[in-house]
C-alpha atoms as a PDB file:
ATOM      1  CA  MET A   1      80.569  66.223  84.414  1.00  0.00           C
ATOM      2  CA  PRO A   2      81.376  66.647  88.163  1.00  0.00           C
ATOM      3  CA  ASP A   3      83.579  69.457  89.189  1.00  0.00           C
ATOM      4  CA  ASP A   4      86.297  67.080  90.424  1.00  0.00           C
ATOM      5  CA  SER A   5      86.669  65.454  86.974  1.00  0.00           C
ATOM      6  CA  SER A   6      86.711  68.969  85.350  1.00  0.00           C
ATOM      7  CA  LYS A   7      89.390  70.076  87.705  1.00  0.00           C
ATOM      8  CA  LYS A   8      91.643  67.038  86.986  1.00  0.00           C
ATOM      9  CA  ILE A   9      91.147  67.332  83.348  1.00  0.00           C
ATOM     10  CA  ALA A  10      92.264  70.839  83.522  1.00  0.00           C
ATOM     11  CA  GLU A  11      95.292  70.119  85.644  1.00  0.00           C
ATOM     12  CA  ALA A  12      96.241  67.348  83.100  1.00  0.00           C
ATOM     13  CA  LEU A  13      95.951  69.736  80.316  1.00  0.00           C
ATOM     14  CA  LEU A  14      97.926  72.511  82.063  1.00  0.00           C
ATOM     15  CA  THR A  15     100.617  70.197  83.267  1.00  0.00           C
ATOM     16  CA  HIS A  16     100.975  68.333  79.875  1.00  0.00           C
ATOM     17  CA  PRO A  17     104.644  68.429  78.648  1.00  0.00           C
ATOM     18  CA  LEU A  18     103.652  70.377  75.492  1.00  0.00           C
ATOM     19  CA  ILE A  19     101.720  73.145  77.514  1.00  0.00           C
ATOM     20  CA  LYS A  20     103.615  73.332  80.868  1.00  0.00           C
ATOM     21  CA  SER A  21     105.659  76.487  81.101  1.00  0.00           C
ATOM     22  CA  ALA A  22     109.298  75.946  82.044  1.00  0.00           C
ATOM     23  CA  GLY A  23     109.827  76.595  85.699  1.00  0.00           C
ATOM     24  CA  SER A  24     106.135  76.882  86.535  1.00  0.00           C
ATOM     25  CA  ARG A  25     103.626  74.335  87.806  1.00  0.00           C
ATOM     26  CA  PHE A  26     101.001  75.105  84.978  1.00  0.00           C
ATOM     27  CA  GLY A  27     101.227  76.244  81.408  1.00  0.00           C
ATOM     28  CA  THR A  28      99.948  79.704  80.614  1.00  0.00           C
ATOM     29  CA  VAL A  29      99.193  79.456  76.826  1.00  0.00           C
ATOM     30  CA  ILE A  30      97.234  76.749  75.068  1.00  0.00           C
ATOM     31  CA  HIS A  31      96.069  77.144  71.346  1.00  0.00           C
ATOM     32  CA  ARG A  32      92.553  75.987  70.311  1.00  0.00           C
ATOM     33  CA  GLU A  33      93.716  73.131  68.199  1.00  0.00           C
ATOM     34  CA  GLU A  34      96.039  72.017  71.082  1.00  0.00           C
ATOM     35  CA  LEU A  35      93.232  72.061  73.526  1.00  0.00           C
ATOM     36  CA  THR A  36      90.796  69.983  71.223  1.00  0.00           C
ATOM     37  CA  ALA A  37      93.695  67.524  70.375  1.00  0.00           C
ATOM     38  CA  LEU A  38      94.625  67.040  73.910  1.00  0.00           C
ATOM     39  CA  LEU A  39      91.143  66.366  75.117  1.00  0.00           C
ATOM     40  CA  LEU A  40      90.857  63.694  72.294  1.00  0.00           C
ATOM     41  CA  GLU A  41      94.233  62.184  73.223  1.00  0.00           C
ATOM     42  CA  PHE A  42      93.196  61.823  76.852  1.00  0.00           C
ATOM     43  CA  ALA A  43      89.875  60.187  75.796  1.00  0.00           C
ATOM     44  CA  ALA A  44      91.845  57.955  73.592  1.00  0.00           C
ATOM     45  CA  GLY A  45      94.319  56.965  76.231  1.00  0.00           C
ATOM     46  CA  ASP A  46      97.173  58.228  74.023  1.00  0.00           C
ATOM     47  CA  GLY A  47     100.059  60.321  74.936  1.00  0.00           C
ATOM     48  CA  PRO A  48     102.406  60.961  77.884  1.00  0.00           C
ATOM     49  CA  LYS A  49      99.634  61.917  80.279  1.00  0.00           C
ATOM     50  CA  ALA A  50      96.709  59.606  81.445  1.00  0.00           C
ATOM     51  CA  LEU A  51      93.532  60.357  83.342  1.00  0.00           C
ATOM     52  CA  ASP A  52      92.430  58.105  86.046  1.00  0.00           C
ATOM     53  CA  ASP A  53      89.733  55.641  85.143  1.00  0.00           C
ATOM     54  CA  GLU A  54      86.869  57.599  86.571  1.00  0.00           C
ATOM     55  CA  VAL A  55      87.757  60.828  84.920  1.00  0.00           C
ATOM     56  CA  HIS A  56      88.525  59.083  81.567  1.00  0.00           C
ATOM     57  CA  GLY A  57      85.015  57.549  81.668  1.00  0.00           C
ATOM     58  CA  GLU A  58      83.474  60.976  82.285  1.00  0.00           C
ATOM     59  CA  LEU A  59      85.424  62.448  79.266  1.00  0.00           C
ATOM     60  CA  CYS A  60      84.568  59.671  76.850  1.00  0.00           C
ATOM     61  CA  LYS A  61      80.915  60.005  77.936  1.00  0.00           C
ATOM     62  CA  LEU A  62      81.032  63.845  77.254  1.00  0.00           C
ATOM     63  CA  LEU A  63      82.605  63.337  73.858  1.00  0.00           C
ATOM     64  CA  ALA A  64      80.165  60.513  72.927  1.00  0.00           C
ATOM     65  CA  ALA A  65      77.238  62.682  73.773  1.00  0.00           C
ATOM     66  CA  ASN A  66      78.849  65.354  71.368  1.00  0.00           C
ATOM     67  CA  ASP A  67      79.305  62.995  68.330  1.00  0.00           C
ATOM     68  CA  ILE A  68      82.943  61.747  69.144  1.00  0.00           C
ATOM     69  CA  GLY A  69      82.237  58.032  69.807  1.00  0.00           C
ATOM     70  CA  ASP A  70      85.696  56.890  68.972  1.00  0.00           C
ATOM     71  CA  PRO A  71      88.298  59.415  70.109  1.00  0.00           C
ATOM     72  CA  LYS A  72      91.272  57.044  69.316  1.00  0.00           C
ATOM     73  CA  GLY A  73      90.072  56.726  65.793  1.00  0.00           C
ATOM     74  CA  THR A  74      89.256  60.238  65.333  1.00  0.00           C
ATOM     75  CA  MET A  75      92.802  61.320  66.553  1.00  0.00           C
ATOM     76  CA  GLU A  76      94.417  58.800  64.245  1.00  0.00           C
ATOM     77  CA  ASP A  77      92.305  60.223  61.282  1.00  0.00           C
ATOM     78  CA  VAL A  78      93.310  63.852  62.299  1.00  0.00           C
ATOM     79  CA  ARG A  79      96.953  63.036  62.576  1.00  0.00           C
ATOM     80  CA  SER A  80      96.949  61.227  59.079  1.00  0.00           C
ATOM     81  CA  LEU A  81      95.260  64.084  57.534  1.00  0.00           C
ATOM     82  CA  ALA A  82      97.671  66.761  59.133  1.00  0.00           C
ATOM     83  CA  LEU A  83     100.477  64.861  57.737  1.00  0.00           C
ATOM     84  CA  GLN A  84      98.961  64.821  54.136  1.00  0.00           C
ATOM     85  CA  ILE A  85      98.379  68.611  54.556  1.00  0.00           C
ATOM     86  CA  GLU A  86     101.929  69.127  55.625  1.00  0.00           C
ATOM     87  CA  GLN A  87     103.174  67.176  52.605  1.00  0.00           C
ATOM     88  CA  ALA A  88     100.834  69.170  50.224  1.00  0.00           C
ATOM     89  CA  TYR A  89     101.513  72.540  52.096  1.00  0.00           C
ATOM     90  CA  PRO A  90     104.709  72.437  53.939  1.00  0.00           C
ATOM     91  CA  ALA A  91     104.653  76.351  54.461  1.00  0.00           C
ATOM     92  CA  LEU A  92     101.516  76.100  56.739  1.00  0.00           C
ATOM     93  CA  SER A  93     101.962  76.372  60.459  1.00  0.00           C
ATOM     94  CA  ASN A  94     101.251  73.314  62.569  1.00  0.00           C
ATOM     95  CA  ASN A  95      98.152  75.102  64.048  1.00  0.00           C
ATOM     96  CA  GLU A  96      96.870  75.719  60.542  1.00  0.00           C
ATOM     97  CA  ARG A  97      97.465  72.057  59.690  1.00  0.00           C
ATOM     98  CA  TYR A  98      95.605  70.724  62.725  1.00  0.00           C
ATOM     99  CA  ALA A  99      92.886  73.140  62.424  1.00  0.00           C
ATOM    100  CA  MET A 100      92.113  71.983  58.934  1.00  0.00           C
ATOM    101  CA  ALA A 101      92.559  68.232  59.877  1.00  0.00           C
ATOM    102  CA  LEU A 102      90.159  68.679  62.920  1.00  0.00           C
ATOM    103  CA  LEU A 103      87.595  70.331  60.791  1.00  0.00           C
ATOM    104  CA  GLN A 104      87.623  67.631  58.391  1.00  0.00           C
ATOM    105  CA  GLU A 105      88.083  64.470  60.504  1.00  0.00           C
ATOM    106  CA  ALA A 106      86.541  65.412  63.864  1.00  0.00           C
ATOM    107  CA  ARG A 107      83.599  67.497  62.604  1.00  0.00           C
ATOM    108  CA  SER A 108      80.983  67.190  65.474  1.00  0.00           C
ATOM    109  CA  ARG A 109      78.980  69.016  67.942  1.00  0.00           C
ATOM    110  CA  PHE A 110      82.186  68.667  70.254  1.00  0.00           C
ATOM    111  CA  LEU A 111      84.419  70.659  67.735  1.00  0.00           C
ATOM    112  CA  GLY A 112      81.632  73.263  66.964  1.00  0.00           C
ATOM    113  CA  LYS A 113      81.220  73.833  70.808  1.00  0.00           C
ATOM    114  CA  MET A 114      84.931  74.079  71.463  1.00  0.00           C
ATOM    115  CA  ASN A 115      85.749  76.330  68.559  1.00  0.00           C
ATOM    116  CA  GLY A 116      82.843  78.682  69.249  1.00  0.00           C
ATOM    117  CA  TRP A 117      83.614  78.771  73.084  1.00  0.00           C
ATOM    118  CA  PHE A 118      87.328  79.108  72.636  1.00  0.00           C
ATOM    119  CA  ASP A 119      86.938  81.971  70.068  1.00  0.00           C
ATOM    120  CA  GLN A 120      84.476  83.914  72.191  1.00  0.00           C
ATOM    121  CA  THR A 121      86.653  83.766  75.158  1.00  0.00           C
ATOM    122  CA  ILE A 122      89.666  84.804  73.342  1.00  0.00           C
ATOM    123  CA  ASP A 123      87.809  87.771  71.908  1.00  0.00           C
ATOM    124  CA  ARG A 124      86.751  88.778  75.415  1.00  0.00           C
ATOM    125  CA  VAL A 125      90.297  88.500  76.758  1.00  0.00           C
ATOM    126  CA  SER A 126      91.589  90.545  73.757  1.00  0.00           C
ATOM    127  CA  ASP A 127      89.215  93.267  74.452  1.00  0.00           C
ATOM    128  CA  ARG A 128      89.948  93.415  78.188  1.00  0.00           C
ATOM    129  CA  PHE A 129      93.777  93.601  77.257  1.00  0.00           C
ATOM    130  CA  THR A 130      93.143  96.346  74.722  1.00  0.00           C
ATOM    131  CA  ASN A 131      91.232  98.383  77.318  1.00  0.00           C
ATOM    132  CA  SER A 132      93.788  97.808  79.979  1.00  0.00           C
ATOM    133  CA  ALA A 133      96.547  98.830  77.559  1.00  0.00           C
ATOM    134  CA  ARG A 134      94.670 101.950  76.728  1.00  0.00           C
ATOM    135  CA  LEU A 135      94.180 102.976  80.444  1.00  0.00           C
ATOM    136  CA  VAL A 136      97.787 102.294  81.144  1.00  0.00           C
ATOM    137  CA  THR A 137      98.763 104.490  78.253  1.00  0.00           C
ATOM    138  CA  PHE A 138      96.339 107.175  79.129  1.00  0.00           C
ATOM    139  CA  PHE A 139      97.541 107.476  82.762  1.00  0.00           C
ATOM    140  CA  GLY A 140     101.231 107.194  81.656  1.00  0.00           C
ATOM    141  CA  SER A 141     100.945 110.076  79.379  1.00  0.00           C
ATOM    142  CA  LEU A 142      99.293 112.028  82.087  1.00  0.00           C
ATOM    143  CA  SER A 143     102.077 111.413  84.466  1.00  0.00           C
ATOM    144  CA  SER A 144     104.558 112.737  81.750  1.00  0.00           C
ATOM    145  CA  LEU A 145     102.748 116.247  81.728  1.00  0.00           C
END
């Protein structure tokens, strides 16, 4: 996928009404299931934000190469199963319901890559945060001596 298309998709994700932070240009937090569902929605041409035709075509080709040939049908199946899960297990969070529905209805190389990449990235970010917090705590305790 060309860099320009990747940047346009990233901007569409970070400015999506569900992700965008109030008072800022871009969102700062996105959950794994949100990222996956939004990419499928963009490819399906569904939702409040749309990609231009060239970028949309690039995303659809990428998904098709990773076992998602019908993003619209896949998202319809995911939403339907998420509703069934909500009826059966109303105490589950939205992320848990969508995680289960995506694993069942969007099982593909795309989902495997997304989940693996996202989880590894979050692990690294968490490690960096923990190490930074330890350093701040250490130096803060030294200054109080």
